[in-house]
C-alpha atoms as a PDB file:
ATOM      1  CA  MET A   1      50.967  45.054-119.206  1.00  0.00           C
ATOM      2  CA  ASN A   2      49.060  46.363-122.179  1.00  0.00           C
ATOM      3  CA  SER A   3      46.734  44.456-121.565  1.00  0.00           C
ATOM      4  CA  ILE A   4      46.215  45.661-117.905  1.00  0.00           C
ATOM      5  CA  THR A   5      46.797  49.512-118.689  1.00  0.00           C
ATOM      6  CA  PRO A   6      42.842  49.437-120.773  1.00  0.00           C
ATOM      7  CA  ILE A   7      40.902  47.635-117.499  1.00  0.00           C
ATOM      8  CA  HIS A   8      43.806  50.844-115.091  1.00  0.00           C
ATOM      9  CA  SER A   9      42.115  53.164-117.130  1.00  0.00           C
ATOM     10  CA  SER A  10      37.702  52.498-117.267  1.00  0.00           C
ATOM     11  CA  LEU A  11      37.882  51.916-113.495  1.00  0.00           C
ATOM     12  CA  LEU A  12      39.793  55.545-112.904  1.00  0.00           C
ATOM     13  CA  ILE A  13      36.867  56.630-115.166  1.00  0.00           C
ATOM     14  CA  GLU A  14      33.467  54.409-113.614  1.00  0.00           C
ATOM     15  CA  THR A  15      35.420  55.779-109.763  1.00  0.00           C
ATOM     16  CA  THR A  16      35.623  59.557-111.612  1.00  0.00           C
ATOM     17  CA  ASN A  17      31.415  59.562-112.430  1.00  0.00           C
ATOM     18  CA  THR A  18      30.387  57.476-109.723  1.00  0.00           C
ATOM     19  CA  CYS A  19      32.659  60.791-107.565  1.00  0.00           C
ATOM     20  CA  HIS A  20      30.950  63.134-109.861  1.00  0.00           C
ATOM     21  CA  GLN A  21      27.425  62.006-109.411  1.00  0.00           C
ATOM     22  CA  ASP A  22      28.509  61.380-105.939  1.00  0.00           C
ATOM     23  CA  HIS A  23      29.064  64.352-105.840  1.00  0.00           C
ATOM     24  CA  GLN A  24      26.354  66.317-107.371  1.00  0.00           C
ATOM     25  CA  HIS A  25      24.220  64.183-105.583  1.00  0.00           C
ATOM     26  CA  TRP A  26      24.783  65.995-102.141  1.00  0.00           C
ATOM     27  CA  GLN A  27      25.252  69.822-103.941  1.00  0.00           C
ATOM     28  CA  GLN A  28      21.546  69.311-104.682  1.00  0.00           C
ATOM     29  CA  ILE A  29      20.353  67.747-101.180  1.00  0.00           C
ATOM     30  CA  ILE A  30      22.064  70.887 -99.904  1.00  0.00           C
ATOM     31  CA  ARG A  31      21.062  73.017-102.349  1.00  0.00           C
ATOM     32  CA  GLN A  32      17.778  71.699-101.458  1.00  0.00           C
ATOM     33  CA  GLN A  33      18.423  72.228 -97.645  1.00  0.00           C
ATOM     34  CA  GLU A  34      19.467  75.733 -98.169  1.00  0.00           C
ATOM     35  CA  GLU A  35      16.528  76.563-100.071  1.00  0.00           C
ATOM     36  CA  GLU A  36      14.467  75.548 -96.823  1.00  0.00           C
ATOM     37  CA  ILE A  37      16.374  77.198 -94.482  1.00  0.00           C
ATOM     38  CA  ARG A  38      15.662  80.757 -96.413  1.00  0.00           C
ATOM     39  CA  GLN A  39      12.611  79.873 -96.368  1.00  0.00           C
ATOM     40  CA  LEU A  40      11.810  79.798 -93.173  1.00  0.00           C
ATOM     41  CA  ARG A  41      14.621  81.799 -91.961  1.00  0.00           C
ATOM     42  CA  SER A  42      12.049  84.624 -93.702  1.00  0.00           C
ATOM     43  CA  LEU A  43       8.778  83.313 -91.876  1.00  0.00           C
ATOM     44  CA  LEU A  44      10.134  83.793 -88.796  1.00  0.00           C
ATOM     45  CA  LEU A  45      11.855  87.007 -89.379  1.00  0.00           C
ATOM     46  CA  GLU A  46       8.022  88.029 -90.098  1.00  0.00           C
ATOM     47  CA  ILE A  47       6.556  86.773 -86.343  1.00  0.00           C
ATOM     48  CA  MET A  48      10.242  88.585 -85.547  1.00  0.00           C
ATOM     49  CA  ASN A  49       8.982  91.740 -86.693  1.00  0.00           C
ATOM     50  CA  GLN A  50       5.427  91.354 -85.974  1.00  0.00           C
ATOM     51  CA  TYR A  51       5.159  90.910 -82.606  1.00  0.00           C
ATOM     52  CA  ASN A  52       6.297  92.141 -79.538  1.00  0.00           C
ATOM     53  CA  CYS A  53       5.651  89.189 -77.275  1.00  0.00           C
ATOM     54  CA  ARG A  54       8.977  88.363 -75.771  1.00  0.00           C
ATOM     55  CA  SER A  55       8.291  84.174 -75.376  1.00  0.00           C
ATOM     56  CA  LEU A  56       6.695  84.181 -79.266  1.00  0.00           C
ATOM     57  CA  ARG A  57      10.220  86.929 -80.280  1.00  0.00           C
ATOM     58  CA  HIS A  58      12.365  84.367 -78.275  1.00  0.00           C
ATOM     59  CA  ASP A  59      11.122  81.207 -79.221  1.00  0.00           C
ATOM     60  CA  ALA A  60      11.048  82.302 -83.503  1.00  0.00           C
ATOM     61  CA  VAL A  61      14.764  84.174 -82.683  1.00  0.00           C
ATOM     62  CA  ASP A  62      15.703  80.892 -81.048  1.00  0.00           C
ATOM     63  CA  TYR A  63      14.842  78.835 -84.653  1.00  0.00           C
ATOM     64  CA  TYR A  64      16.045  81.879 -86.360  1.00  0.00           C
ATOM     65  CA  ARG A  65      19.354  80.631 -84.569  1.00  0.00           C
ATOM     66  CA  ASP A  66      20.356  77.367 -84.912  1.00  0.00           C
ATOM     67  CA  LEU A  67      18.693  77.689 -88.691  1.00  0.00           C
ATOM     68  CA  ASN A  68      21.960  80.314 -88.933  1.00  0.00           C
ATOM     69  CA  HIS A  69      24.603  77.944 -87.455  1.00  0.00           C
ATOM     70  CA  LEU A  70      23.094  75.583 -89.616  1.00  0.00           C
ATOM     71  CA  GLN A  71      23.897  77.458 -92.878  1.00  0.00           C
ATOM     72  CA  SER A  72      27.478  77.888 -91.799  1.00  0.00           C
ATOM     73  CA  LYS A  73      27.618  73.993 -90.803  1.00  0.00           C
ATOM     74  CA  LEU A  74      26.345  73.907 -94.868  1.00  0.00           C
ATOM     75  CA  ASP A  75      28.381  76.451 -96.122  1.00  0.00           C
ATOM     76  CA  ARG A  76      31.906  74.480 -94.231  1.00  0.00           C
ATOM     77  CA  LEU A  77      30.663  71.869 -96.113  1.00  0.00           C
ATOM     78  CA  ASN A  78      30.271  72.795 -99.317  1.00  0.00           C
ATOM     79  CA  ARG A  79      33.104  74.811 -99.430  1.00  0.00           C
ATOM     80  CA  ASP A  80      35.366  71.585 -97.854  1.00  0.00           C
ATOM     81  CA  MET A  81      34.108  68.927 -99.526  1.00  0.00           C
ATOM     82  CA  ILE A  82      32.263  69.369-102.222  1.00  0.00           C
ATOM     83  CA  CYS A  83      33.489  71.997-104.424  1.00  0.00           C
ATOM     84  CA  GLU A  84      37.023  73.328-105.065  1.00  0.00           C
ATOM     85  CA  GLY A  85      38.644  76.519-103.510  1.00  0.00           C
ATOM     86  CA  VAL A  86      36.992  79.339-100.604  1.00  0.00           C
ATOM     87  CA  ASP A  87      35.536  80.672-103.569  1.00  0.00           C
ATOM     88  CA  CYS A  88      33.490  77.814-104.917  1.00  0.00           C
ATOM     89  CA  PRO A  89      30.139  79.581-106.742  1.00  0.00           C
ATOM     90  CA  ALA A  90      27.116  78.108-106.069  1.00  0.00           C
ATOM     91  CA  ASP A  91      26.497  76.499-109.724  1.00  0.00           C
ATOM     92  CA  THR A  92      30.402  74.361-109.527  1.00  0.00           C
ATOM     93  CA  HIS A  93      31.331  72.806-112.386  1.00  0.00           C
ATOM     94  CA  GLN A  94      32.267  69.279-111.410  1.00  0.00           C
ATOM     95  CA  PRO A  95      35.193  68.865-109.278  1.00  0.00           C
ATOM     96  CA  ALA A  96      38.253  67.588-109.795  1.00  0.00           C
ATOM     97  CA  CYS A  97      38.070  63.605-108.380  1.00  0.00           C
ATOM     98  CA  THR A  98      42.093  63.321-108.483  1.00  0.00           C
ATOM     99  CA  ASN A  99      42.103  65.333-105.743  1.00  0.00           C
ATOM    100  CA  THR A 100      42.009  63.293-102.681  1.00  0.00           C
ATOM    101  CA  ARG A 101      39.661  64.500-101.015  1.00  0.00           C
ATOM    102  CA  PHE A 102      36.987  64.162-103.437  1.00  0.00           C
ATOM    103  CA  GLY A 103      37.443  60.413-103.037  1.00  0.00           C
ATOM    104  CA  LEU A 104      36.080  60.751 -99.944  1.00  0.00           C
ATOM    105  CA  SER A 105      32.069  60.102-101.024  1.00  0.00           C
ATOM    106  CA  ALA A 106      31.695  58.135 -97.600  1.00  0.00           C
ATOM    107  CA  THR A 107      33.382  61.633 -95.285  1.00  0.00           C
ATOM    108  CA  ILE A 108      31.109  63.734 -97.342  1.00  0.00           C
ATOM    109  CA  GLU A 109      27.901  61.228 -96.416  1.00  0.00           C
ATOM    110  CA  ARG A 110      28.692  61.069 -92.803  1.00  0.00           C
ATOM    111  CA  HIS A 111      28.858  64.777 -92.852  1.00  0.00           C
ATOM    112  CA  ALA A 112      26.284  66.316 -95.069  1.00  0.00           C
ATOM    113  CA  THR A 113      23.745  62.836 -92.910  1.00  0.00           C
ATOM    114  CA  MET A 114      24.594  64.554 -90.156  1.00  0.00           C
ATOM    115  CA  LEU A 115      23.243  67.906 -91.157  1.00  0.00           C
ATOM    116  CA  VAL A 116      19.688  66.144 -92.753  1.00  0.00           C
ATOM    117  CA  SER A 117      19.077  64.488 -89.051  1.00  0.00           C
ATOM    118  CA  GLU A 118      20.519  68.046 -87.896  1.00  0.00           C
ATOM    119  CA  PHE A 119      18.234  69.991 -89.885  1.00  0.00           C
ATOM    120  CA  SER A 120      15.449  67.774 -89.608  1.00  0.00           C
ATOM    121  CA  ARG A 121      15.114  68.188 -86.009  1.00  0.00           C
ATOM    122  CA  ILE A 122      15.709  72.124 -85.716  1.00  0.00           C
ATOM    123  CA  LYS A 123      12.704  71.799 -89.047  1.00  0.00           C
ATOM    124  CA  ASP A 124      10.160  70.104 -86.862  1.00  0.00           C
ATOM    125  CA  GLY A 125      10.403  71.592 -83.999  1.00  0.00           C
ATOM    126  CA  CYS A 126      10.416  74.941 -85.911  1.00  0.00           C
ATOM    127  CA  LEU A 127       7.360  73.683 -88.250  1.00  0.00           C
ATOM    128  CA  GLN A 128       5.965  73.011 -84.715  1.00  0.00           C
ATOM    129  CA  PHE A 129       6.382  76.341 -83.523  1.00  0.00           C
ATOM    130  CA  LEU A 130       4.373  77.998 -87.099  1.00  0.00           C
ATOM    131  CA  SER A 131       2.110  76.051 -86.522  1.00  0.00           C
ATOM    132  CA  GLY A 132       0.932  76.188 -83.070  1.00  0.00           C
ATOM    133  CA  MET A 133       0.644  80.449 -84.222  1.00  0.00           C
ATOM    134  CA  MET A 134      -1.621  79.825 -87.169  1.00  0.00           C
ATOM    135  CA  SER A 135      -3.252  77.789 -85.014  1.00  0.00           C
ATOM    136  CA  LEU A 136      -3.965  80.651 -83.291  1.00  0.00           C
ATOM    137  CA  ASN A 137      -4.673  82.845 -86.275  1.00  0.00           C
ATOM    138  CA  MET A 138      -1.353  84.876 -85.029  1.00  0.00           C
ATOM    139  CA  LEU A 139      -0.390  83.830 -88.432  1.00  0.00           C
END
């Protein structure tokens, strides 16, 4: 029985390390997405404040709203699956991977991948809108 214990202990340490690495990876992706969302919302806010043209404002408002919804989803993912507790600070310490929800790397990956895809779709449309404004010398 003693020969099994070191193997089990070694496996637990490896699993915990993998868990920590996975969570750090997803935290980094979420932070990058949040920064890009902040930058895009800032540009869109400038447009909304600067131009009264209904179609420009309408598109800017739509993209701004979509980015806000995406930010809310990222916040929920971070709060519910990545960090511990509702009041998780931005620079969280490594989660205690003994909690069962932290063993759900596949679940986190699936949710995060869906949000990354959604962000790519919104970002592509938003950048196309912004580049159209630049080609018209409006930015």
